[in-house]
N, C-alpha and C. Protein backbone atom coordinates (compact mmCIF):
# COMPACT_ATOMS: atom_id res chain seq x y z
N MET A 1 93.20 114.34 100.73
CA MET A 1 93.18 113.96 102.10
C MET A 1 92.40 114.75 103.07
N ARG A 2 92.52 116.09 102.72
CA ARG A 2 91.64 117.20 103.57
C ARG A 2 90.41 116.63 103.74
N LEU A 3 89.62 116.33 102.59
CA LEU A 3 88.20 115.86 102.49
C LEU A 3 88.09 114.57 103.15
N HIS A 4 88.87 113.58 103.18
CA HIS A 4 88.74 112.52 104.12
C HIS A 4 88.50 112.79 105.55
N PHE A 5 89.37 113.66 106.06
CA PHE A 5 89.59 114.08 107.64
C PHE A 5 88.27 114.80 107.90
N ALA A 6 87.88 115.55 106.93
CA ALA A 6 86.98 116.42 107.13
C ALA A 6 85.58 115.46 107.29
N ALA A 7 85.50 114.95 106.60
CA ALA A 7 84.37 113.68 106.70
C ALA A 7 84.48 112.90 107.90
N LEU A 8 85.52 112.51 108.39
CA LEU A 8 85.90 111.80 109.59
C LEU A 8 85.21 112.82 110.70
N ARG A 9 85.76 114.18 110.59
CA ARG A 9 85.11 115.05 111.92
C ARG A 9 83.81 115.20 111.77
N GLN A 10 83.32 115.33 110.59
CA GLN A 10 81.52 115.73 110.68
C GLN A 10 81.07 114.24 111.34
N THR A 11 81.28 112.91 111.16
CA THR A 11 80.76 112.36 111.62
C THR A 11 80.92 112.06 113.28
N GLY A 12 81.95 112.67 113.73
CA GLY A 12 82.14 112.89 115.25
C GLY A 12 83.53 111.50 115.68
N GLY A 13 84.15 111.16 114.44
CA GLY A 13 85.11 110.31 114.96
C GLY A 13 86.23 110.79 115.44
N PHE A 14 86.63 112.24 115.10
CA PHE A 14 87.89 112.35 116.38
C PHE A 14 87.36 112.63 117.47
N GLU A 15 86.24 112.88 118.07
CA GLU A 15 85.93 113.08 119.55
C GLU A 15 85.80 111.52 119.94
N ARG A 16 84.84 110.58 119.34
CA ARG A 16 85.05 109.01 119.73
C ARG A 16 85.93 108.44 120.02
N SER A 17 86.87 108.44 118.83
CA SER A 17 88.03 107.64 118.78
C SER A 17 89.48 108.04 118.48
N PRO A 18 89.84 109.01 119.20
CA PRO A 18 91.24 109.91 118.81
C PRO A 18 92.20 108.75 118.46
N ALA A 19 92.26 107.51 119.18
CA ALA A 19 93.26 106.59 118.69
C ALA A 19 93.01 106.20 117.29
N PHE A 20 91.70 105.79 116.85
CA PHE A 20 91.82 105.33 115.29
C PHE A 20 91.79 106.50 114.55
N CYS A 21 91.60 107.85 114.81
CA CYS A 21 92.04 109.05 113.96
C CYS A 21 93.47 108.88 113.70
N ASP A 22 94.38 109.00 114.79
CA ASP A 22 95.83 109.10 114.59
C ASP A 22 96.12 107.83 113.72
N TYR A 23 95.74 106.45 113.87
CA TYR A 23 95.94 105.48 112.94
C TYR A 23 95.43 105.95 111.56
N TYR A 24 94.37 106.28 111.50
CA TYR A 24 93.74 106.86 110.12
C TYR A 24 94.72 107.64 109.47
N ILE A 25 95.00 108.73 109.95
CA ILE A 25 96.13 109.61 109.58
C ILE A 25 97.21 109.22 108.71
N LYS A 26 97.59 108.27 109.82
CA LYS A 26 98.90 107.74 109.31
C LYS A 26 98.63 106.95 108.09
N PHE A 27 97.61 105.95 108.01
CA PHE A 27 97.06 104.96 106.97
C PHE A 27 96.62 105.58 105.64
N ILE A 28 96.12 107.00 105.74
CA ILE A 28 96.07 107.91 104.43
C ILE A 28 97.27 108.36 103.99
N GLY A 29 98.32 108.97 105.05
CA GLY A 29 99.49 109.07 104.29
C GLY A 29 100.42 108.08 103.77
N HIS A 30 100.11 106.77 104.39
CA HIS A 30 100.63 106.02 103.53
C HIS A 30 100.04 105.35 102.25
N PHE A 31 98.92 105.46 102.61
CA PHE A 31 98.20 105.10 100.93
C PHE A 31 98.20 105.98 99.94
N VAL A 32 98.34 107.27 100.48
CA VAL A 32 98.64 108.15 99.21
C VAL A 32 99.71 108.28 98.68
N SER A 33 100.82 107.76 99.25
CA SER A 33 102.06 107.70 98.52
C SER A 33 101.94 106.86 97.39
N VAL A 34 101.06 106.03 97.02
CA VAL A 34 101.01 105.01 95.98
C VAL A 34 100.92 106.03 94.87
N TYR A 35 99.83 107.16 94.86
CA TYR A 35 99.62 107.87 94.00
C TYR A 35 100.67 109.19 93.82
N GLU A 36 101.33 109.92 94.96
CA GLU A 36 101.83 110.52 95.05
C GLU A 36 103.06 110.63 96.34
N ALA A 37 104.41 110.19 95.73
CA ALA A 37 105.41 110.09 96.80
C ALA A 37 105.35 111.02 98.12
N THR A 38 105.35 112.48 97.45
CA THR A 38 105.73 113.53 98.19
C THR A 38 104.39 113.89 99.18
N ALA A 39 103.33 113.24 98.82
CA ALA A 39 102.02 113.92 99.46
C ALA A 39 101.65 113.27 101.03
N THR A 40 102.91 112.17 101.40
CA THR A 40 102.46 111.82 102.51
C THR A 40 103.01 112.94 103.91
N ARG A 41 103.71 113.83 103.37
CA ARG A 41 104.49 114.68 104.42
C ARG A 41 103.04 115.50 104.60
N PHE A 42 102.12 115.70 103.86
CA PHE A 42 101.13 116.48 104.30
C PHE A 42 99.87 116.22 104.86
N ALA A 43 99.81 114.89 105.30
CA ALA A 43 98.59 114.04 105.82
C ALA A 43 98.05 114.95 107.16
N ARG A 44 99.20 115.37 108.01
CA ARG A 44 98.97 115.69 109.17
C ARG A 44 98.60 117.15 108.97
N GLU A 45 99.13 118.08 108.16
CA GLU A 45 98.42 119.41 107.83
C GLU A 45 97.03 119.31 107.31
N SER A 46 96.71 118.04 106.50
CA SER A 46 95.32 118.14 106.06
C SER A 46 94.37 117.77 107.39
N ALA A 47 94.88 116.90 108.08
CA ALA A 47 94.07 116.98 109.34
C ALA A 47 94.06 118.10 109.93
N ARG A 48 94.96 118.81 110.08
CA ARG A 48 94.86 120.25 110.86
C ARG A 48 93.66 121.22 109.99
N TRP A 49 93.95 121.21 108.66
CA TRP A 49 92.97 121.97 107.73
C TRP A 49 91.46 121.67 108.15
N SER A 50 91.41 120.18 108.42
CA SER A 50 89.65 119.83 108.37
C SER A 50 89.24 120.28 109.94
N GLU A 51 90.09 120.80 110.64
CA GLU A 51 89.73 121.00 112.03
C GLU A 51 88.86 122.25 111.95
N ASP A 52 88.93 122.99 111.13
CA ASP A 52 88.11 124.30 110.94
C ASP A 52 86.90 124.53 109.78
N PRO A 53 85.79 124.16 110.63
CA PRO A 53 84.44 124.26 109.64
C PRO A 53 84.62 125.40 108.28
N LYS A 54 85.28 126.51 108.72
CA LYS A 54 85.15 127.48 107.58
C LYS A 54 86.25 127.13 106.46
N ASN A 55 87.05 126.18 106.63
CA ASN A 55 88.01 125.62 105.54
C ASN A 55 86.97 124.94 104.26
N VAL A 56 86.04 124.05 105.03
CA VAL A 56 85.36 123.28 104.41
C VAL A 56 84.28 124.36 103.62
N GLU A 57 83.52 124.92 104.29
CA GLU A 57 82.89 126.16 103.77
C GLU A 57 83.35 126.90 102.57
N ASP A 58 84.49 127.59 102.82
CA ASP A 58 85.59 128.37 101.60
C ASP A 58 85.55 127.22 100.45
N TYR A 59 85.98 126.10 100.68
CA TYR A 59 85.82 125.16 99.84
C TYR A 59 84.86 124.73 98.71
N ILE A 60 83.66 124.72 99.61
CA ILE A 60 82.49 124.75 98.73
C ILE A 60 81.85 126.01 97.95
N ALA A 61 82.21 126.85 98.49
CA ALA A 61 81.89 128.33 98.06
C ALA A 61 82.61 128.66 96.98
N ASN A 62 83.77 128.01 96.65
CA ASN A 62 84.83 128.17 95.87
C ASN A 62 84.81 127.08 94.67
N GLY A 63 83.63 126.58 94.57
CA GLY A 63 83.24 125.97 93.75
C GLY A 63 84.10 124.46 93.71
N ARG A 64 84.44 124.11 95.05
CA ARG A 64 84.78 122.75 95.40
C ARG A 64 86.45 122.67 94.81
N ARG A 65 86.99 123.78 95.20
CA ARG A 65 88.31 124.09 94.70
C ARG A 65 89.29 124.64 95.96
N MET A 66 90.24 123.72 96.03
CA MET A 66 91.18 124.48 97.15
C MET A 66 92.12 125.34 96.37
N GLU A 67 92.00 126.42 96.27
CA GLU A 67 92.69 127.20 95.60
C GLU A 67 94.46 127.42 96.52
N ASP A 68 94.47 127.39 97.74
CA ASP A 68 95.83 127.63 98.16
C ASP A 68 96.48 126.44 98.11
N VAL A 69 96.26 125.44 97.24
CA VAL A 69 97.07 124.13 97.04
C VAL A 69 97.13 124.00 95.45
N ILE A 70 96.27 124.31 94.94
CA ILE A 70 96.19 124.28 93.28
C ILE A 70 97.37 125.07 92.99
N GLY A 71 98.25 124.55 91.97
CA GLY A 71 99.49 125.32 91.48
C GLY A 71 100.63 125.78 92.40
N ALA A 72 100.41 125.49 93.71
CA ALA A 72 101.48 125.53 94.70
C ALA A 72 102.77 124.59 94.51
N SER A 73 103.79 125.29 94.30
CA SER A 73 105.06 124.30 94.09
C SER A 73 105.10 123.42 95.28
N TYR A 74 105.91 122.18 95.17
CA TYR A 74 106.44 121.60 96.28
C TYR A 74 107.12 122.64 97.46
N ALA A 75 107.81 123.18 97.12
CA ALA A 75 108.58 123.90 97.82
C ALA A 75 107.88 125.13 98.79
N ARG A 76 106.82 125.43 97.98
CA ARG A 76 105.89 126.53 98.55
C ARG A 76 105.05 125.71 99.79
N ALA A 77 104.53 124.63 99.08
CA ALA A 77 103.78 123.79 100.15
C ALA A 77 104.46 123.34 101.35
N LEU A 78 105.78 123.28 101.36
CA LEU A 78 106.42 122.62 102.64
C LEU A 78 106.64 123.80 103.36
N GLU A 79 106.62 125.31 103.14
CA GLU A 79 106.82 126.41 104.02
C GLU A 79 105.47 126.56 104.90
N ASP A 80 104.41 125.50 104.67
CA ASP A 80 103.00 125.37 105.81
C ASP A 80 103.08 124.31 106.61
N LEU A 81 104.20 123.87 106.74
CA LEU A 81 104.57 122.45 107.71
C LEU A 81 105.49 122.84 108.63
N SER A 82 105.44 122.38 109.89
CA SER A 82 106.57 122.44 110.79
C SER A 82 107.80 122.24 110.50
N GLU A 83 109.14 122.78 110.96
CA GLU A 83 110.20 122.16 110.38
C GLU A 83 110.20 120.58 110.61
N GLU A 84 110.05 119.85 111.59
CA GLU A 84 109.91 118.51 111.76
C GLU A 84 108.73 117.54 110.58
N GLU A 85 108.06 118.61 110.45
CA GLU A 85 106.99 117.72 109.09
C GLU A 85 107.69 117.92 108.04
N ALA A 86 108.18 118.88 107.56
CA ALA A 86 108.71 119.13 106.27
C ALA A 86 110.12 118.30 106.28
N SER A 87 110.86 118.05 107.58
CA SER A 87 112.30 117.46 107.12
C SER A 87 111.87 115.65 107.56
N THR A 88 111.10 115.22 107.86
CA THR A 88 110.93 113.91 108.51
C THR A 88 110.36 113.09 106.88
N VAL A 89 111.03 112.29 106.85
CA VAL A 89 110.83 111.43 105.41
C VAL A 89 110.20 109.77 105.81
N SER A 90 110.36 109.31 107.27
CA SER A 90 110.33 108.25 107.83
C SER A 90 108.70 108.28 108.19
N TRP A 91 108.17 109.20 108.35
CA TRP A 91 106.44 109.32 108.99
C TRP A 91 105.79 108.82 107.98
N PRO A 92 104.85 108.04 108.02
CA PRO A 92 104.31 107.33 109.34
C PRO A 92 104.80 106.11 109.91
N TYR A 93 106.10 105.59 109.27
CA TYR A 93 106.67 104.49 109.79
C TYR A 93 107.50 104.82 110.75
N PRO A 94 107.51 103.76 111.88
CA PRO A 94 108.39 104.04 113.18
C PRO A 94 109.96 103.84 112.66
N THR A 95 110.74 104.55 113.10
CA THR A 95 112.37 104.49 113.12
C THR A 95 112.78 103.46 114.06
N ARG A 96 113.75 102.80 113.84
CA ARG A 96 114.28 101.41 114.88
C ARG A 96 115.33 101.68 114.92
């Protein structure tokens, strides 16, 4: 997810179409659940990660490995989220 959002930033997508990017973050959050149900909660964090070009530089310099997430437990990963993101299970689907 982080790389999807980094690529979108590199092409200027976030500046040109914030509404599309909001949709895209939700779409990726939904789509990734096909492979890993718990990953959906981390879509917004992944979009924030992509805001800092140094994160991508570090990723490349580190042999294209994201050491901060490799081997991290789910409980540990939740600590990086806001309380709302960590506790909301309905996102990206609107509640009615």
